[in-house]
Each structure stands twice: as C-alpha cells, then as structure tokens.
Protein backbone atom coordinates (compact mmCIF):
# COMPACT_ATOMS: atom_id res chain seq x y z
CA MET A 1 24.33 4.49 30.47
CA PRO A 2 27.59 3.87 28.52
CA GLU A 3 28.13 5.93 25.37
CA ASN A 4 26.83 4.22 22.23
CA LYS A 5 29.10 4.87 19.25
CA PHE A 6 26.50 3.59 16.76
CA THR A 7 23.20 5.18 15.86
CA PRO A 8 20.37 2.69 16.47
CA CYS A 9 18.53 1.56 13.34
CA VAL A 10 14.77 1.11 12.99
CA ILE A 11 13.51 -1.11 10.17
CA LEU A 12 10.19 -0.10 8.60
CA PRO A 13 9.22 -3.30 6.75
CA GLY A 14 7.23 -3.77 3.57
CA ILE A 15 3.65 -4.79 2.92
CA GLY A 16 4.03 -8.51 3.58
CA GLN A 17 6.59 -8.39 6.37
CA SER A 18 4.49 -7.70 9.47
CA LYS A 19 2.21 -10.27 11.06
CA VAL A 20 -1.29 -9.13 12.02
CA GLU A 21 -3.75 -11.24 13.99
CA MET A 22 -7.54 -11.07 14.02
CA ILE A 23 -8.72 -11.24 17.65
CA ASP A 24 -12.01 -11.55 19.55
CA LYS A 25 -13.41 -9.30 22.26
CA LYS A 26 -11.34 -11.12 24.88
CA GLY A 27 -8.14 -10.50 22.97
CA GLU A 28 -7.81 -14.12 21.90
CA LYS A 29 -6.43 -14.85 18.46
CA ILE A 30 -9.04 -16.03 15.95
CA LYS A 31 -6.76 -16.36 12.93
CA MET A 32 -3.86 -14.75 11.13
CA ALA A 33 -5.22 -11.76 9.23
CA TRP A 34 -2.04 -10.88 7.36
CA PRO A 35 -0.12 -12.20 5.54
CA ILE A 36 -3.01 -14.17 4.11
CA ASP A 37 -2.39 -17.88 4.42
CA VAL A 38 -4.07 -19.50 1.42
CA ASP A 39 -4.34 -23.28 1.36
CA GLY A 40 -4.42 -24.03 -2.36
CA GLU A 41 -5.77 -27.55 -1.86
CA ALA A 42 -8.55 -26.39 0.46
CA LEU A 43 -9.38 -23.59 -1.95
CA MET A 44 -9.75 -26.01 -4.84
CA ASN A 45 -11.95 -28.29 -2.72
CA GLU A 46 -14.25 -25.37 -1.90
CA LEU A 47 -14.55 -24.51 -5.56
CA LYS A 48 -14.97 -28.09 -6.71
CA GLY A 49 -18.78 -28.08 -6.98
CA SER A 50 -18.94 -24.82 -8.95
CA LEU A 51 -16.00 -25.92 -11.05
CA MET A 52 -17.66 -29.19 -12.05
CA LYS A 53 -20.88 -27.36 -12.93
CA MET A 54 -18.95 -24.88 -15.08
CA MET A 55 -17.10 -27.64 -16.90
CA LEU A 56 -20.27 -29.69 -17.39
CA PHE A 57 -22.30 -26.87 -18.93
CA ARG A 58 -19.28 -25.21 -20.60
CA LYS A 59 -20.24 -21.78 -19.31
CA ASP A 60 -19.79 -19.67 -16.19
CA ALA A 61 -22.78 -21.22 -14.38
CA GLY A 62 -22.08 -19.19 -11.22
CA PHE A 63 -18.38 -20.10 -11.03
CA SER A 64 -17.09 -16.51 -11.13
CA ASP A 65 -19.52 -15.49 -8.37
CA LYS A 66 -18.38 -18.40 -6.22
CA VAL A 67 -14.71 -17.46 -6.65
CA ALA A 68 -15.48 -13.83 -5.79
CA SER A 69 -17.34 -14.98 -2.68
CA VAL A 70 -14.42 -17.14 -1.58
CA VAL A 71 -11.96 -14.29 -2.15
CA LYS A 72 -14.20 -11.96 -0.15
CA ASP A 73 -14.05 -14.37 2.79
CA ILE A 74 -10.28 -14.70 2.46
CA ALA A 75 -9.79 -10.92 2.37
CA ASP A 76 -12.34 -10.14 5.10
CA PRO A 77 -9.80 -10.06 7.99
CA ILE A 78 -8.01 -7.08 6.41
CA ALA A 79 -11.16 -5.35 5.13
CA SER A 80 -11.73 -1.69 6.00
CA ASN A 81 -14.78 0.50 6.49
CA PRO A 82 -15.41 3.54 4.26
CA ASP A 83 -13.98 5.87 6.92
CA GLY A 84 -10.69 3.95 6.78
CA SER A 85 -11.13 2.11 10.08
CA MET A 86 -10.59 -1.64 10.13
CA LYS A 87 -13.70 -3.81 9.91
CA ASN A 88 -12.31 -6.35 12.39
CA THR A 89 -10.35 -6.07 15.61
CA LEU A 90 -6.71 -6.66 14.75
CA ARG A 91 -3.48 -6.94 16.71
CA THR A 92 -0.04 -6.51 15.21
CA VAL A 93 2.61 -8.97 16.30
CA SER A 94 5.10 -6.41 17.57
CA TYR A 95 8.68 -6.39 18.82
CA PRO A 96 9.05 -3.44 21.24
CA ARG A 97 12.66 -4.36 21.96
CA SER A 98 15.99 -4.71 20.22
CA LEU A 99 16.90 -7.83 18.28
CA ALA A 100 19.32 -8.63 21.10
CA GLU A 101 16.29 -9.02 23.38
CA CYS A 102 14.19 -10.99 20.88
CA SER A 103 13.75 -14.75 21.09
CA ALA A 104 15.53 -17.04 18.66
CA ASP A 105 12.30 -17.55 16.70
CA GLU A 106 11.65 -13.81 16.55
CA LYS A 107 15.17 -13.19 15.27
CA ARG A 108 14.81 -15.86 12.61
CA TYR A 109 11.59 -14.25 11.41
CA ILE A 110 12.97 -10.71 11.35
CA TYR A 111 16.17 -11.69 9.56
CA LYS A 112 14.12 -13.66 7.06
CA MET A 113 12.05 -10.56 6.32
CA VAL A 114 14.98 -8.13 6.21
CA PRO A 115 18.36 -9.95 6.23
CA LEU A 116 20.49 -7.22 7.77
CA ASN A 117 22.85 -9.65 9.49
CA LYS A 118 25.86 -7.78 8.09
CA LEU A 119 24.62 -4.62 9.77
CA SER A 120 23.95 -6.22 13.14
CA ASP A 121 27.41 -7.84 13.05
CA ILE A 122 28.83 -4.31 13.00
CA ILE A 123 26.50 -2.26 15.21
CA GLY A 124 25.29 -5.10 17.43
CA GLU A 125 21.78 -6.48 17.71
CA GLU A 126 21.20 -4.16 20.64
CA ASN A 127 21.09 -1.32 18.08
CA LEU A 128 18.73 -2.96 15.58
CA TYR A 129 14.94 -2.68 15.91
CA PHE A 130 12.02 -3.95 13.78
CA PHE A 131 8.85 -1.85 13.75
CA SER A 132 5.90 -3.99 12.67
CA TYR A 133 2.52 -2.51 11.69
CA ASN A 134 -0.76 -3.17 9.91
CA SER A 135 0.00 -2.72 6.21
CA PHE A 136 -3.63 -1.81 5.45
CA GLY A 137 -4.26 0.53 8.35
CA ASP A 138 -4.33 4.29 8.85
CA THR A 139 -0.87 5.59 7.89
CA TYR A 140 -1.14 8.57 10.23
CA GLU A 141 -2.05 6.38 13.20
CA THR A 142 0.82 4.08 12.28
CA ALA A 143 3.17 7.08 12.14
CA LYS A 144 2.09 7.97 15.69
CA GLU A 145 2.88 4.42 16.79
CA LEU A 146 6.25 4.74 15.08
CA SER A 147 6.94 7.97 16.97
CA SER A 148 6.34 6.20 20.30
CA PHE A 149 8.49 3.29 19.12
CA ILE A 150 11.36 5.64 18.23
CA ASP A 151 11.05 7.29 21.65
CA MET A 152 11.42 3.85 23.19
CA VAL A 153 14.52 3.15 21.06
CA LYS A 154 16.11 6.44 22.06
CA GLU A 155 15.46 5.80 25.73
CA LYS A 156 16.85 2.27 25.60
CA THR A 157 19.99 3.20 23.66
CA GLY A 158 20.68 6.66 25.06
CA SER A 159 20.78 8.05 21.53
CA ASP A 160 19.01 11.26 20.55
CA LYS A 161 18.64 10.14 16.92
CA VAL A 162 17.89 6.99 14.95
CA ASN A 163 18.54 5.75 11.43
CA LEU A 164 15.48 4.62 9.47
CA VAL A 165 15.46 1.69 7.04
CA PRO A 166 12.19 1.98 5.07
CA VAL A 167 11.54 -1.07 2.89
CA SER A 168 8.93 -0.91 0.09
CA LEU A 169 5.68 0.28 1.75
CA GLY A 170 7.83 1.48 4.65
CA GLY A 171 8.87 4.36 2.40
CA ALA A 172 5.36 5.83 2.54
CA LEU A 173 5.28 5.36 6.31
CA SER A 174 8.56 7.27 6.70
CA THR A 175 7.09 10.11 4.63
CA ALA A 176 4.10 10.27 6.97
CA TYR A 177 6.47 10.29 9.94
CA PHE A 178 8.25 13.35 8.60
CA GLN A 179 4.91 15.03 7.95
CA LEU A 180 3.76 14.60 11.55
CA PHE A 181 6.98 14.52 13.56
CA ARG A 182 9.65 16.42 11.66
CA GLN A 183 9.90 18.82 14.60
CA LYS A 184 11.38 16.05 16.77
CA HIS A 185 14.63 16.16 14.78
CA ASP A 186 15.37 12.58 15.73
CA VAL A 187 16.34 11.05 12.37
CA LYS A 188 19.99 11.01 11.32
CA ARG A 189 20.09 8.85 8.17
CA VAL A 190 17.42 7.26 5.99
CA MET A 191 18.40 4.17 4.00
CA TYR A 192 15.56 3.54 1.54
CA PHE A 193 15.43 -0.06 0.33
CA VAL A 194 13.24 -0.48 -2.82
CA ALA A 195 10.94 2.07 -1.18
CA ALA A 196 7.63 3.11 -2.74
CA LEU A 197 8.33 6.84 -2.44
CA GLY A 198 6.47 7.75 -5.61
CA GLY A 199 3.81 5.09 -5.34
CA SER A 200 3.13 1.97 -7.38
CA HIS A 201 1.55 1.99 -10.85
CA LEU A 202 0.78 -1.68 -10.28
CA ILE A 203 -1.60 -0.79 -7.43
CA ALA A 204 -2.97 2.19 -9.35
CA ASP A 205 -3.71 -0.01 -12.39
CA ILE A 206 -5.54 -2.51 -10.21
CA MET A 207 -7.56 0.31 -8.62
CA ALA A 208 -8.37 1.74 -12.06
CA LYS A 209 -9.02 -1.77 -13.40
CA ASN A 210 -6.53 -0.86 -16.10
CA VAL A 211 -5.40 -4.45 -16.29
CA ASP A 212 -4.93 -7.32 -18.68
CA VAL A 213 -7.21 -9.91 -17.12
CA SER A 214 -5.73 -12.63 -19.31
CA ASN A 215 -2.66 -12.31 -17.07
CA GLY A 216 -4.72 -12.67 -13.91
CA LEU A 217 -2.57 -15.53 -12.64
CA SER A 218 0.10 -12.97 -11.76
CA MET A 219 -2.42 -11.47 -9.31
CA VAL A 220 -3.01 -14.91 -7.78
CA GLU A 221 0.72 -15.34 -7.28
CA MET A 222 1.00 -11.87 -5.73
CA LEU A 223 -1.90 -12.46 -3.29
CA ALA A 224 -1.35 -16.13 -2.52
CA ASN A 225 1.71 -17.98 -3.75
CA ALA A 226 3.32 -19.44 -6.85
CA LYS A 227 2.05 -22.96 -6.05
CA THR A 228 -1.58 -21.83 -5.99
CA ALA A 229 -1.09 -19.88 -9.21
CA GLU A 230 0.46 -22.95 -10.82
CA SER A 231 -2.51 -25.10 -9.79
CA LEU A 232 -4.96 -22.60 -11.23
CA GLY A 233 -2.85 -22.35 -14.38
CA GLY A 234 -3.65 -25.94 -15.23
CA LEU A 235 -7.32 -25.28 -14.60
CA LEU A 236 -7.25 -22.22 -16.85
CA LYS A 237 -6.45 -24.33 -19.90
CA MET A 238 -9.70 -26.25 -19.45
CA MET A 239 -12.00 -23.30 -18.74
CA PRO A 240 -14.67 -22.25 -21.25
CA GLU A 241 -13.73 -19.15 -23.19
CA GLY A 242 -14.14 -15.88 -21.26
CA VAL A 243 -14.78 -17.42 -17.84
CA PHE A 244 -11.33 -16.78 -16.44
CA GLU A 245 -11.37 -13.14 -17.53
CA LYS A 246 -14.83 -12.67 -16.00
CA THR A 247 -13.65 -14.26 -12.78
CA VAL A 248 -10.58 -12.03 -12.51
CA ASP A 249 -12.76 -8.97 -13.09
CA LYS A 250 -15.08 -9.91 -10.22
CA VAL A 251 -12.16 -10.72 -7.92
CA LEU A 252 -10.71 -7.27 -8.63
CA ASP A 253 -14.06 -5.71 -7.70
CA VAL A 254 -13.99 -7.56 -4.37
CA LEU A 255 -10.40 -6.56 -3.55
CA ILE A 256 -11.01 -2.93 -4.46
CA SER A 257 -14.27 -2.58 -2.54
CA GLN A 258 -13.27 -4.59 0.54
CA VAL A 259 -9.62 -3.64 0.99
CA LEU A 260 -7.94 -1.21 -1.37
CA MET A 261 -10.33 1.73 -1.70
CA ASN A 262 -10.87 2.02 2.06
CA SER A 263 -7.22 1.87 3.14
CA LEU A 264 -5.26 5.08 3.75
CA SER A 265 -2.10 3.01 3.51
CA ILE A 266 -3.00 1.98 -0.03
CA TRP A 267 -3.89 5.55 -1.03
CA GLY A 268 -0.43 6.48 0.18
CA ILE A 269 1.17 4.38 -2.56
CA ILE A 270 -0.97 5.59 -5.44
CA PRO A 271 1.38 7.62 -7.71
CA PRO A 272 0.59 11.30 -7.08
CA GLU A 273 -0.10 11.92 -10.76
CA ARG A 274 -2.88 9.34 -10.65
CA TYR A 275 -4.36 10.21 -7.26
CA PRO A 276 -6.84 12.95 -8.34
CA ALA A 277 -8.70 10.75 -10.84
CA LEU A 278 -8.80 7.69 -8.58
CA SER A 279 -9.83 9.60 -5.46
CA GLU A 280 -12.62 11.26 -7.46
CA LYS A 281 -13.79 7.81 -8.54
CA TYR A 282 -13.75 6.16 -5.13
CA LEU A 283 -13.69 8.81 -2.38
CA SER A 284 -16.11 11.50 -3.55
CA ASP A 285 -19.15 10.16 -1.66
CA LYS A 286 -20.11 11.26 1.86
CA ALA A 287 -19.27 7.89 3.41
CA HIS A 288 -15.60 8.35 2.48
CA GLY A 289 -15.38 11.94 3.73
CA VAL A 290 -13.11 11.21 6.70
CA LEU A 291 -10.81 8.99 4.68
CA LYS A 292 -10.64 11.45 1.78
CA GLU A 293 -9.59 14.29 4.06
CA LYS A 294 -6.63 12.24 5.29
CA ALA A 295 -5.78 10.90 1.84
CA ASP A 296 -5.86 14.42 0.37
CA SER A 297 -3.56 15.67 3.11
CA PHE A 298 -1.06 12.90 2.47
CA TYR A 299 -1.28 13.46 -1.29
CA GLU A 300 -0.47 17.15 -0.90
CA TYR A 301 2.48 16.38 1.36
CA ARG A 302 3.83 13.77 -1.03
CA LEU A 303 3.72 16.33 -3.83
CA SER A 304 5.91 18.65 -1.76
CA PHE A 305 8.15 15.93 -0.35
CA PRO A 306 11.15 16.54 -2.69
CA SER A 307 11.36 20.12 -1.46
CA VAL A 308 10.82 18.93 2.12
CA VAL A 309 13.75 16.54 1.66
CA ARG A 310 16.00 19.47 0.73
CA GLU A 311 14.91 21.27 3.89
CA LEU A 312 15.54 18.15 5.97
CA GLU A 313 18.98 17.80 4.42
CA GLY A 314 19.64 21.39 5.49
CA GLU A 315 18.75 20.27 9.01
CA GLY A 316 21.28 17.45 8.84
CA VAL A 317 19.22 14.45 7.72
CA GLU A 318 21.01 12.30 5.12
CA PHE A 319 19.12 10.24 2.55
CA PHE A 320 20.29 7.15 0.62
CA ALA A 321 18.51 4.66 -1.63
CA VAL A 322 18.97 1.21 -3.15
CA CYS A 323 16.74 0.02 -5.97
CA GLY A 324 16.24 -2.48 -8.77
CA TYR A 325 15.43 -1.62 -12.37
CA GLY A 326 15.12 -3.07 -15.86
CA LEU A 327 12.29 -5.50 -15.17
CA LYS A 328 8.72 -5.08 -16.34
CA LEU A 329 5.97 -4.66 -13.79
CA LEU A 330 3.73 -7.70 -13.25
CA PRO A 331 2.01 -8.57 -16.55
CA LEU A 332 -1.42 -8.02 -15.01
CA CYS A 333 -0.62 -4.31 -15.02
CA ASN A 334 -1.06 -2.31 -18.23
CA SER A 335 1.83 -0.13 -17.08
CA SER A 336 4.01 -3.24 -17.22
CA PHE A 337 6.37 -1.69 -19.79
CA MET A 338 7.90 0.55 -17.09
CA SER A 339 11.43 -0.12 -15.91
CA SER A 340 11.01 -1.49 -12.43
CA ASP A 341 11.93 -4.19 -9.92
CA GLY A 342 8.79 -6.05 -10.94
CA ILE A 343 6.62 -4.32 -8.33
CA ILE A 344 7.67 -0.65 -8.11
CA HIS A 345 8.90 1.48 -11.02
CA VAL A 346 12.36 2.99 -10.72
CA GLY A 347 11.02 6.56 -10.87
CA SER A 348 9.29 5.85 -7.55
CA THR A 349 12.14 4.19 -5.67
CA THR A 350 14.51 7.02 -6.66
CA LEU A 351 12.07 9.95 -6.71
CA GLY A 352 12.67 10.90 -10.30
CA ALA A 353 15.29 8.82 -12.10
CA LEU A 354 14.77 8.95 -15.86
CA SER A 355 14.21 5.58 -17.51
CA ALA A 356 13.30 3.98 -20.80
CA PRO A 357 10.78 1.14 -20.95
CA ALA A 358 12.18 -2.13 -19.59
CA GLY A 359 14.67 -3.63 -22.04
CA GLU A 360 15.08 -0.41 -24.03
CA GLU A 361 17.68 2.39 -24.09
CA LEU A 362 17.25 6.06 -23.30
CA CYS A 363 17.65 8.35 -26.27
CA ASP A 364 16.39 11.69 -24.92
CA PHE A 365 17.94 13.54 -21.98
CA PRO A 366 15.95 16.74 -21.27
CA ALA A 367 17.56 19.52 -19.28
CA GLU A 368 14.38 19.91 -17.23
CA GLY A 369 14.32 17.71 -14.16
CA LYS A 370 18.01 16.92 -14.13
CA VAL A 371 19.36 17.09 -10.58
CA CYS A 372 23.06 16.47 -11.21
CA THR A 373 24.25 18.89 -13.89
CA ASP A 374 27.99 18.41 -13.37
CA PRO A 375 29.31 17.59 -16.88
CA SER A 376 32.14 15.54 -15.39
CA HIS A 377 29.66 13.12 -13.80
CA SER A 378 28.00 10.27 -15.66
CA HIS A 379 25.01 8.66 -14.02
CA LEU A 380 23.82 6.70 -17.05
CA SER A 381 23.52 2.97 -16.42
CA PRO A 382 25.77 0.66 -18.49
CA ASP A 383 22.72 -0.71 -20.32
CA LYS A 384 21.49 2.89 -20.91
CA ASN A 385 18.08 2.06 -19.45
CA VAL A 386 18.19 4.56 -16.57
CA ASP A 387 19.84 7.90 -15.85
CA ALA A 388 20.37 8.49 -12.14
CA ALA A 389 21.15 12.17 -12.74
CA TYR A 390 17.38 12.85 -12.63
CA GLY A 391 16.77 11.07 -9.32
CA LEU A 392 16.51 13.14 -6.14
CA TRP A 393 19.81 11.73 -4.84
CA PRO A 394 22.12 11.24 -7.87
CA GLU A 395 25.17 10.67 -5.68
CA ARG A 396 23.45 8.59 -3.01
CA THR A 397 21.42 6.03 -4.93
CA TRP A 398 22.59 2.59 -6.05
CA TYR A 399 20.95 0.64 -8.89
CA PHE A 400 20.86 -3.08 -9.65
CA ALA A 401 19.89 -4.24 -13.13
CA SER A 402 17.20 -6.95 -13.43
CA GLN A 403 16.90 -7.12 -9.63
CA GLY A 404 13.51 -8.28 -8.35
CA HIS A 405 11.71 -6.37 -5.60
CA ASP A 406 11.73 -9.10 -2.95
CA ALA A 407 14.95 -10.75 -4.12
CA ILE A 408 17.01 -7.62 -3.45
CA ALA A 409 16.99 -8.78 0.17
CA TYR A 410 19.35 -11.51 -1.05
CA ASN A 411 21.67 -9.23 -2.99
CA ASP A 412 24.94 -9.25 -1.01
CA THR A 413 26.19 -6.02 -2.55
CA ALA A 414 22.96 -4.16 -1.80
CA LEU A 415 23.06 -5.44 1.77
CA GLU A 416 26.71 -4.37 2.07
CA ILE A 417 25.81 -0.85 0.93
CA ALA A 418 23.01 -0.67 3.50
CA ALA A 419 25.33 -1.88 6.25
CA ARG A 420 27.96 0.71 5.35
CA VAL A 421 25.46 3.58 5.20
CA LEU A 422 23.97 2.64 8.56
CA SER A 423 27.21 2.03 10.44
CA ASP A 424 29.87 4.30 8.95
CA ASP A 425 29.45 8.09 8.92
CA SER A 426 32.38 8.42 6.53
CA PHE A 427 30.47 6.44 3.90
CA THR A 428 28.63 9.34 2.30
CA ASP A 429 27.97 8.61 -1.38
CA ILE A 430 28.60 6.43 -4.46
CA TYR A 431 32.23 7.58 -4.51
CA SER A 432 33.03 6.43 -0.97
CA ASP A 433 34.09 2.92 -2.01
CA ASP A 434 35.20 1.96 -5.53
CA GLY A 435 34.14 -1.58 -4.75
CA LEU A 436 30.53 -0.44 -4.39
CA PRO A 437 29.81 1.41 -7.65
CA GLN A 438 26.51 3.10 -8.43
CA PHE A 439 25.40 0.43 -10.89
CA GLY A 440 25.40 -3.29 -10.24
CA THR A 441 23.61 -6.39 -11.46
CA VAL A 442 21.13 -8.87 -10.09
CA GLN A 443 22.28 -11.17 -7.27
CA ASP A 444 20.52 -13.82 -5.22
CA ASN A 445 22.53 -15.42 -2.43
CA ARG A 446 19.86 -18.11 -1.98
CA LYS A 447 21.10 -19.88 -5.13
C-alpha cells in the first residue's frame, strides 16, 4: 500500500445527521425512524376533528390528549425501553467506506450534513469517512461500533491513527470512545465542531420541565420544521386560553417518557451539574437499574474528562474546537439567557469558557478557573461577551459571534479552520494564521 501523507478523518455527526430505519423481522424497511418526517398537512388533518370540537366548545375538550397521542405515535419509532434498549428494531443507514467509494447520492447527503468539501479537496475523498449512528441509542454500544469503524479506516488507508471530527452530539460519542478505547492510541487530532462536550441546558430544561410553555412553538420547530410551526402559530391565535400551554405540557410528558428518559445518548448530553437531580428523578426505580449504571459511569467520566484530556495531550493527541456564541438558547428553555449558538451554551462547546448572558458584557474575571494566565495574551471577545482564557483550549478554540448551531456548517471561515486543522500539522493554534483570528462573526454561505 502506498504511503498516505494525510491522516484519514472520521466525521461523527450530530443528532439529526444520521438516517435510521425501522425494519421488520425480515429486515425490510417499514419507515424512516429518524430524522422524523412530519407531514404538517397530514398532521392537521388528523387533528381536525378534535380541533373543531375544541373551537366549538371553547375549551380543551380532549384536544391536548389527542395531540399527545399523535406525538406518541410519531415518536414511537425512536422510543426506548427503561433499560435503554430500543423498543423497535432499527437499522442505521451506514457508509462503511470512504467518500471516494460512496455513490453520488450518498456524497450529496454527507456533504449536505457536514460540508467539508474544502477538506476533501486537500486530503482527497479517499481519506474522508462518515460514521452514522442511532442518535438515541446506547452510547457505549455506539462507541464499540465506532471502534470497529476506525479499525476499518486504518486498514483501508494504511494509517495507524485517525483524526476525529465530532459535531454536536458527536462530541459526547467521542468522549465515550476515549473512555472505552483510549488504550488503542489511534487518535491524532480532534476537531470539535459545535460539540456538546458539557451537555445541553436546553435538553436538561426539557427533562426538568423547566420551560416556558408559551414558547412551545420553538419545540415544534426543533422536532418537526419551521413550516409546521408556522402553521400551528396561526392556530395558536384562535385557541381558547390555556389550551396551548396544556397541550405543550402533555407533549413534553410524552417525549420525556417515550424517548428522552430512556436514552443513554440523551443522558450523555445532560450538563454534569444537573445530572444528579435529573437521574434521581427518572432513573431511581428498579426498571431503570441497567440504564442508570451506564449513565452514572458516563457521568463520572465526563466529570473527569478535562483531566483526561491533559493526559491524552501528554500522549500526543491534539484538541481543537470551533463554536458559536452570543445567541440565546431556544425560548422554550428557561436557561435561554445563556450565551450560546441557539442550541448549546458556549461553556459546553469550549469546556469552560467564561461568558455573560447573551447580549451582555462580562464584568467579572475570577482568577479561579482561568486556563491561560499569560498577561500578554488577551482572549476576550471584541463584544466582551466571552473570555476564551477560561476554556480548556484557550489557544486552540475559535469563536463566531451570533453564529447559529446548524448554520455554522455554512460559515466559510469555520470550515477553513477545520480544513487546516485536519490537513496541516503545522497549523497548531490561533496564532498559526493571522487571517484566521480567534474571534469572528456570523457567516452563512447559503445567502
């Protein structure tokens, strides 16, 4: 096998970027389980009878129960059992080959999910791989699948190491990989892309039902799409007082009981500081014993991960991160004041960066927790909303003001940074290229 001068890269996509099918006993596809494909028009038709009854009597009249029932059916394909196993038989649409070997349709899909065209132009599609997985499955089982996938990549490319590109939820998966397979020493660089390393207060608020139900349409948009949320927005204006809030509350109950509370993957993105209370609430019964044991193990490892990172760095692993900040979390969330990319707060994507509430300036800079203490270095953002000196990688993290979580995939500068990190060993930190400074602003190359 000819020598490969580039380290192969493995993308670990986010929560909505892997396709998962629900299959029957013969292995035939029944339907797409994830991402959920919600037909807004069909949904409204199913609710029509209950809706008319509600409007006629000017009270709930069973409407909220009907909506909850419909949502339960929609979410059923990705529902889990109390032990964390999936309720249904699922099959991930996988790509156990390089992008060079993928079909044209597969390439279009992968590049749409994670547009790393600039990277593949440099290292070649033969060195770029996309690891798909069930976003609501058992994180440890997924990490084992990832280990086998990485072994396949190493064999195909002749490389003894890979670079990881964890995106959003992929950050938690990469943490689990290090917990189980650190001894393999097969990771060279990690390029975190808006990764949920410290969890998501948005998910924790939903689990705790610490939400503003009057902003429930933001949840509809998150689960379905903007068009469906817009349709329901018009309906909201005509609803009797209190019905919408009651409906959102029941829908949350369904999502928590059917999907969130039984998923190890979801427990892996609960902020560690909120895990003890939430696990006590949902996992303390006997039925959840198996799941709780795994969730506790992952929680303990996540607590120690910053120190593990330092050990890994001593072993030669290099870590980098790109994140957005300055936006409020979705308005459904009562933690919405946090500086974030709209989905994940900046303290999570950077493992510790200090930030003021979105739109405000920092005024207090405690000595405790500061990672970069060099007085000649300034890591304070131009808008004074975030101080990168407190993040785990002050010299290896790039920040983009007002950059949305999903839209960062269309930020040319962020993509350029990722391409440089993953293709050029001489690109080592925020000082490597004056044209790629630590702080940037929102971009969207789709416009």
